[in-house]
C-alpha atoms as a PDB file:
ATOM      1  CA  UNK A   1     103.087 117.023 115.614  1.00  0.00           C
ATOM      2  CA  UNK A   2     105.872 114.448 116.193  1.00  0.00           C
ATOM      3  CA  UNK A   3     109.167 116.482 116.270  1.00  0.00           C
ATOM      4  CA  UNK A   4     110.666 117.372 119.627  1.00  0.00           C
ATOM      5  CA  UNK A   5     109.085 120.399 121.029  1.00  0.00           C
ATOM      6  CA  UNK A   6     112.069 122.062 122.261  1.00  0.00           C
ATOM      7  CA  UNK A   7     113.617 121.949 119.001  1.00  0.00           C
ATOM      8  CA  UNK A   8     110.914 123.485 117.304  1.00  0.00           C
ATOM      9  CA  UNK A   9     110.754 126.231 120.013  1.00  0.00           C
ATOM     10  CA  UNK A  10     114.369 127.001 119.782  1.00  0.00           C
ATOM     11  CA  UNK A  11     113.757 127.604 115.913  1.00  0.00           C
ATOM     12  CA  UNK A  12     110.698 129.540 116.361  1.00  0.00           C
ATOM     13  CA  UNK A  13     108.551 126.741 114.687  1.00  0.00           C
ATOM     14  CA  UNK A  14     104.961 126.446 116.052  1.00  0.00           C
ATOM     15  CA  UNK A  15     102.634 123.200 115.892  1.00  0.00           C
ATOM     16  CA  UNK A  16     100.163 125.429 114.099  1.00  0.00           C
ATOM     17  CA  UNK A  17     103.019 126.368 111.142  1.00  0.00           C
ATOM     18  CA  UNK A  18     103.342 122.543 110.536  1.00  0.00           C
ATOM     19  CA  UNK A  19      99.910 121.984 110.453  1.00  0.00           C
ATOM     20  CA  UNK A  20      99.281 124.322 108.443  1.00  0.00           C
ATOM     21  CA  UNK A  21     102.436 123.231 106.157  1.00  0.00           C
ATOM     22  CA  UNK A  22     104.344 126.435 106.468  1.00  0.00           C
ATOM     23  CA  UNK A  23     107.887 125.398 105.932  1.00  0.00           C
ATOM     24  CA  UNK A  24     110.653 127.468 107.052  1.00  0.00           C
ATOM     25  CA  UNK A  25     114.499 127.556 107.414  1.00  0.00           C
ATOM     26  CA  UNK A  26     114.035 126.917 111.115  1.00  0.00           C
ATOM     27  CA  UNK A  27     111.601 123.782 110.213  1.00  0.00           C
ATOM     28  CA  UNK A  28     114.082 122.244 107.878  1.00  0.00           C
ATOM     29  CA  UNK A  29     116.893 122.509 110.431  1.00  0.00           C
ATOM     30  CA  UNK A  30     114.631 120.779 113.165  1.00  0.00           C
ATOM     31  CA  UNK A  31     113.844 118.157 110.672  1.00  0.00           C
ATOM     32  CA  UNK A  32     117.828 117.779 109.655  1.00  0.00           C
ATOM     33  CA  UNK A  33     118.739 117.515 113.233  1.00  0.00           C
ATOM     34  CA  UNK A  34     116.054 114.703 113.896  1.00  0.00           C
ATOM     35  CA  UNK A  35     117.430 112.853 110.614  1.00  0.00           C
ATOM     36  CA  UNK A  36     120.740 112.963 111.513  1.00  0.00           C
ATOM     37  CA  UNK A  37     120.022 111.241 114.839  1.00  0.00           C
ATOM     38  CA  UNK A  38     117.607 108.722 113.272  1.00  0.00           C
ATOM     39  CA  UNK A  39     120.536 107.934 110.860  1.00  0.00           C
ATOM     40  CA  UNK A  40     122.895 107.322 113.848  1.00  0.00           C
ATOM     41  CA  UNK A  41     120.368 105.038 115.462  1.00  0.00           C
ATOM     42  CA  UNK A  42     120.128 103.005 112.274  1.00  0.00           C
ATOM     43  CA  UNK A  43     123.823 102.717 112.613  1.00  0.00           C
ATOM     44  CA  UNK A  44     123.654 101.231 116.271  1.00  0.00           C
ATOM     45  CA  UNK A  45     120.993  99.279 115.170  1.00  0.00           C
ATOM     46  CA  UNK A  46     122.965  97.788 112.442  1.00  0.00           C
ATOM     47  CA  UNK A  47     126.002  97.072 114.710  1.00  0.00           C
ATOM     48  CA  UNK A  48     123.936  95.504 117.492  1.00  0.00           C
ATOM     49  CA  UNK A  49     122.053  93.192 114.953  1.00  0.00           C
ATOM     50  CA  UNK A  50     124.352  90.285 115.322  1.00  0.00           C
ATOM     51  CA  UNK A  51     123.219  89.723 118.880  1.00  0.00           C
ATOM     52  CA  UNK A  52     119.838  88.701 117.805  1.00  0.00           C
ATOM     53  CA  UNK A  53     119.158  84.950 117.212  1.00  0.00           C
ATOM     54  CA  UNK A  54     117.387  83.574 114.165  1.00  0.00           C
ATOM     55  CA  UNK A  55     116.485  85.956 111.684  1.00  0.00           C
ATOM     56  CA  UNK A  56     116.413  89.048 114.002  1.00  0.00           C
ATOM     57  CA  UNK A  57     119.346  90.364 112.260  1.00  0.00           C
ATOM     58  CA  UNK A  58     117.755  90.335 108.719  1.00  0.00           C
ATOM     59  CA  UNK A  59     114.688  91.769 109.902  1.00  0.00           C
ATOM     60  CA  UNK A  60     116.961  94.594 111.557  1.00  0.00           C
ATOM     61  CA  UNK A  61     118.542  94.971 108.352  1.00  0.00           C
ATOM     62  CA  UNK A  62     115.555  95.491 106.425  1.00  0.00           C
ATOM     63  CA  UNK A  63     114.048  97.947 108.714  1.00  0.00           C
ATOM     64  CA  UNK A  64     117.654  99.927 108.516  1.00  0.00           C
ATOM     65  CA  UNK A  65     117.574  99.629 104.875  1.00  0.00           C
ATOM     66  CA  UNK A  66     114.160 100.926 104.344  1.00  0.00           C
ATOM     67  CA  UNK A  67     114.511 103.897 106.927  1.00  0.00           C
ATOM     68  CA  UNK A  68     117.707 104.812 105.194  1.00  0.00           C
ATOM     69  CA  UNK A  69     115.743 105.143 102.041  1.00  0.00           C
ATOM     70  CA  UNK A  70     113.229 107.248 103.607  1.00  0.00           C
ATOM     71  CA  UNK A  71     116.266 109.588 104.956  1.00  0.00           C
ATOM     72  CA  UNK A  72     117.802 109.476 101.509  1.00  0.00           C
ATOM     73  CA  UNK A  73     114.459 110.920  99.874  1.00  0.00           C
ATOM     74  CA  UNK A  74     114.010 113.584 102.927  1.00  0.00           C
ATOM     75  CA  UNK A  75     117.500 115.108 102.254  1.00  0.00           C
ATOM     76  CA  UNK A  76     116.760 115.184  98.420  1.00  0.00           C
ATOM     77  CA  UNK A  77     113.898 117.525  99.658  1.00  0.00           C
ATOM     78  CA  UNK A  78     116.213 119.475 101.621  1.00  0.00           C
ATOM     79  CA  UNK A  79     114.623 118.584 104.677  1.00  0.00           C
ATOM     80  CA  UNK A  80     111.454 119.855 103.801  1.00  0.00           C
ATOM     81  CA  UNK A  81     108.375 117.406 103.670  1.00  0.00           C
ATOM     82  CA  UNK A  82     105.731 120.328 104.121  1.00  0.00           C
ATOM     83  CA  UNK A  83     104.198 121.210 100.584  1.00  0.00           C
ATOM     84  CA  UNK A  84     100.870 122.218  99.275  1.00  0.00           C
ATOM     85  CA  UNK A  85     100.073 118.559  98.314  1.00  0.00           C
ATOM     86  CA  UNK A  86     100.679 117.135 101.733  1.00  0.00           C
ATOM     87  CA  UNK A  87     102.704 114.481 100.181  1.00  0.00           C
ATOM     88  CA  UNK A  88     104.469 112.519 102.497  1.00  0.00           C
ATOM     89  CA  UNK A  89     108.097 111.168 102.278  1.00  0.00           C
ATOM     90  CA  UNK A  90     107.850 107.640 100.704  1.00  0.00           C
ATOM     91  CA  UNK A  91     109.612 105.230  98.845  1.00  0.00           C
ATOM     92  CA  UNK A  92     108.581 103.087  95.830  1.00  0.00           C
ATOM     93  CA  UNK A  93     107.615  99.392  95.995  1.00  0.00           C
ATOM     94  CA  UNK A  94     110.980  98.740  93.625  1.00  0.00           C
ATOM     95  CA  UNK A  95     112.755 100.628  96.178  1.00  0.00           C
ATOM     96  CA  UNK A  96     111.746  98.619  98.910  1.00  0.00           C
ATOM     97  CA  UNK A  97     112.347  95.199  97.112  1.00  0.00           C
ATOM     98  CA  UNK A  98     115.706  96.543  96.417  1.00  0.00           C
ATOM     99  CA  UNK A  99     116.032  97.334 100.447  1.00  0.00           C
ATOM    100  CA  UNK A 100     115.244  93.856 101.155  1.00  0.00           C
ATOM    101  CA  UNK A 101     117.974  92.965  98.930  1.00  0.00           C
ATOM    102  CA  UNK A 102     120.433  94.767 100.138  1.00  0.00           C
ATOM    103  CA  UNK A 103     119.285  93.771 103.802  1.00  0.00           C
ATOM    104  CA  UNK A 104     119.982  90.019 102.785  1.00  0.00           C
ATOM    105  CA  UNK A 105     123.445  90.832 101.246  1.00  0.00           C
ATOM    106  CA  UNK A 106     124.487  93.097 104.122  1.00  0.00           C
ATOM    107  CA  UNK A 107     123.612  90.484 106.642  1.00  0.00           C
ATOM    108  CA  UNK A 108     124.582  87.095 104.944  1.00  0.00           C
ATOM    109  CA  UNK A 109     127.559  88.067 102.581  1.00  0.00           C
ATOM    110  CA  UNK A 110     130.719  87.372 103.736  1.00  0.00           C
ATOM    111  CA  UNK A 111     131.981  90.467 101.960  1.00  0.00           C
ATOM    112  CA  UNK A 112     129.597  92.739 103.955  1.00  0.00           C
ATOM    113  CA  UNK A 113     131.208  94.974 106.300  1.00  0.00           C
ATOM    114  CA  UNK A 114     127.608  94.327 108.572  1.00  0.00           C
ATOM    115  CA  UNK A 115     127.293  90.646 108.108  1.00  0.00           C
ATOM    116  CA  UNK A 116     126.034  88.972 111.251  1.00  0.00           C
ATOM    117  CA  UNK A 117     128.495  86.127 110.099  1.00  0.00           C
END
């Protein structure tokens, strides 16, 4: 289980609950905290990308855009990625293409706040 064990314990969520796809309010709170922290780290990566040479800023921005897509989907599920079908949070091919386009714009557009300029 790839969630912080201390956070799960503080919410009385066991690894067994997760492996049995048993969601709870506590589980959703843990996932939300982890997702919020991931969003903060993505913002830091976006700021720091301009220090990279060559295509580095573009590659970082593509990753940022893709993972933001995952975080949006997770939020739409109310941070409950456990369900009877075992469906994982995923984004479509079209969303991936759009994320790449957004990354190009964010990296190279003179109008973008995160442009590598």
